[in-house]
Amino acid sequence: MHVRTRWPWLSLLLGAVVALNPIGLDFLRSAFFAGEQLARNIAQPIVLTALAVMVVVVVLEWLVRSLLVKRRARGAS
């Protein structure tokens, strides 16, 4: 695997695809902009949990990429 950058672009791209499709946008709207309290109470924990999971995935990808870049800089394969 040839890693050239530490930027976690794969997981950020996946998160953007999940959030910006029609179902994801509808879920985000119902979580934060719904007129009914019940809809907000149901959707907000789901959206915030998904956001936390995506943050963990981004951090893990960044750590793996950082380790691979450091290993490659040392000359190990």
C-alpha atoms as a PDB file:
ATOM      1  CA  MET A   1       0.000   0.000   0.000  1.00  0.00           C
ATOM      2  CA  HIS A   2       1.475   3.292  -1.077  1.00  0.00           C
ATOM      3  CA  VAL A   3       0.235   5.992   1.250  1.00  0.00           C
ATOM      4  CA  ARG A   4       1.207   9.465   0.161  1.00  0.00           C
ATOM      5  CA  THR A   5      -0.755  11.589   2.587  1.00  0.00           C
ATOM      6  CA  ARG A   6      -2.054  11.368   6.133  1.00  0.00           C
ATOM      7  CA  TRP A   7      -5.364  12.953   5.158  1.00  0.00           C
ATOM      8  CA  PRO A   8      -8.208  10.483   5.869  1.00  0.00           C
ATOM      9  CA  TRP A   9     -10.006  11.114   2.610  1.00  0.00           C
ATOM     10  CA  LEU A  10     -11.638   7.692   2.289  1.00  0.00           C
ATOM     11  CA  SER A  11     -13.677   7.926   5.479  1.00  0.00           C
ATOM     12  CA  LEU A  12     -14.493  11.598   4.899  1.00  0.00           C
ATOM     13  CA  LEU A  13     -15.762  10.746   1.420  1.00  0.00           C
ATOM     14  CA  LEU A  14     -17.843   7.881   2.805  1.00  0.00           C
ATOM     15  CA  GLY A  15     -19.323  10.177   5.462  1.00  0.00           C
ATOM     16  CA  ALA A  16     -20.190  12.796   2.873  1.00  0.00           C
ATOM     17  CA  VAL A  17     -21.892  10.217   0.642  1.00  0.00           C
ATOM     18  CA  VAL A  18     -23.934   8.884   3.556  1.00  0.00           C
ATOM     19  CA  ALA A  19     -24.947  12.340   4.792  1.00  0.00           C
ATOM     20  CA  LEU A  20     -25.620  13.976   1.438  1.00  0.00           C
ATOM     21  CA  ASN A  21     -27.880  11.382  -0.169  1.00  0.00           C
ATOM     22  CA  PRO A  22     -31.648  12.080  -0.076  1.00  0.00           C
ATOM     23  CA  ILE A  23     -32.285   9.760   2.879  1.00  0.00           C
ATOM     24  CA  GLY A  24     -29.398  11.215   4.872  1.00  0.00           C
ATOM     25  CA  LEU A  25     -30.502  14.781   4.187  1.00  0.00           C
ATOM     26  CA  ASP A  26     -34.058  13.936   5.215  1.00  0.00           C
ATOM     27  CA  PHE A  27     -32.797  12.369   8.427  1.00  0.00           C
ATOM     28  CA  LEU A  28     -30.641  15.427   9.196  1.00  0.00           C
ATOM     29  CA  ARG A  29     -33.623  17.727   8.579  1.00  0.00           C
ATOM     30  CA  SER A  30     -35.855  15.686  10.856  1.00  0.00           C
ATOM     31  CA  ALA A  31     -33.179  15.591  13.547  1.00  0.00           C
ATOM     32  CA  PHE A  32     -32.630  19.331  13.757  1.00  0.00           C
ATOM     33  CA  PHE A  33     -35.343  21.198  11.860  1.00  0.00           C
ATOM     34  CA  ALA A  34     -38.499  19.146  12.378  1.00  0.00           C
ATOM     35  CA  GLY A  35     -41.557  20.907  13.692  1.00  0.00           C
ATOM     36  CA  GLU A  36     -42.456  18.012  15.960  1.00  0.00           C
ATOM     37  CA  GLN A  37     -40.561  17.347  19.166  1.00  0.00           C
ATOM     38  CA  LEU A  38     -41.074  13.583  18.825  1.00  0.00           C
ATOM     39  CA  ALA A  39     -39.312  13.481  15.447  1.00  0.00           C
ATOM     40  CA  ARG A  40     -36.375  15.469  16.834  1.00  0.00           C
ATOM     41  CA  ASN A  41     -36.161  13.264  19.927  1.00  0.00           C
ATOM     42  CA  ILE A  42     -36.034  10.115  17.810  1.00  0.00           C
ATOM     43  CA  ALA A  43     -33.629  11.328  15.116  1.00  0.00           C
ATOM     44  CA  GLN A  44     -31.123  13.392  17.121  1.00  0.00           C
ATOM     45  CA  PRO A  45     -29.542  10.518  19.091  1.00  0.00           C
ATOM     46  CA  ILE A  46     -29.243   8.464  15.908  1.00  0.00           C
ATOM     47  CA  VAL A  47     -27.582  11.305  13.997  1.00  0.00           C
ATOM     48  CA  LEU A  48     -25.244  12.162  16.869  1.00  0.00           C
ATOM     49  CA  THR A  49     -24.262   8.513  17.301  1.00  0.00           C
ATOM     50  CA  ALA A  50     -23.532   8.205  13.588  1.00  0.00           C
ATOM     51  CA  LEU A  51     -21.449  11.383  13.787  1.00  0.00           C
ATOM     52  CA  ALA A  52     -19.458   9.979  16.715  1.00  0.00           C
ATOM     53  CA  VAL A  53     -18.848   6.733  14.828  1.00  0.00           C
ATOM     54  CA  MET A  54     -17.637   8.665  11.785  1.00  0.00           C
ATOM     55  CA  VAL A  55     -15.257  10.703  13.965  1.00  0.00           C
ATOM     56  CA  VAL A  56     -13.802   7.464  15.363  1.00  0.00           C
ATOM     57  CA  VAL A  57     -13.407   6.035  11.851  1.00  0.00           C
ATOM     58  CA  VAL A  58     -11.673   9.215  10.636  1.00  0.00           C
ATOM     59  CA  VAL A  59      -9.276   9.171  13.606  1.00  0.00           C
ATOM     60  CA  LEU A  60      -8.479   5.488  13.073  1.00  0.00           C
ATOM     61  CA  GLU A  61      -7.803   6.034   9.384  1.00  0.00           C
ATOM     62  CA  TRP A  62      -5.580   8.992  10.192  1.00  0.00           C
ATOM     63  CA  LEU A  63      -3.609   6.920  12.734  1.00  0.00           C
ATOM     64  CA  VAL A  64      -3.128   4.039  10.301  1.00  0.00           C
ATOM     65  CA  ARG A  65      -2.043   6.401   7.555  1.00  0.00           C
ATOM     66  CA  SER A  66       0.354   8.173   9.924  1.00  0.00           C
ATOM     67  CA  LEU A  67       1.929   4.870  10.922  1.00  0.00           C
ATOM     68  CA  LEU A  68       2.317   3.826   7.297  1.00  0.00           C
ATOM     69  CA  VAL A  69       3.897   7.163   6.337  1.00  0.00           C
ATOM     70  CA  LYS A  70       6.343   6.949   9.259  1.00  0.00           C
ATOM     71  CA  ARG A  71       7.215   3.343   8.433  1.00  0.00           C
ATOM     72  CA  ARG A  72       7.831   4.226   4.821  1.00  0.00           C
ATOM     73  CA  ALA A  73       9.983   7.220   5.829  1.00  0.00           C
ATOM     74  CA  ARG A  74      12.174   4.903   7.943  1.00  0.00           C
ATOM     75  CA  GLY A  75      12.698   2.650   4.951  1.00  0.00           C
ATOM     76  CA  ALA A  76      10.864  -0.416   6.263  1.00  0.00           C
ATOM     77  CA  SER A  77       8.439  -2.174   3.996  1.00  0.00           C
END
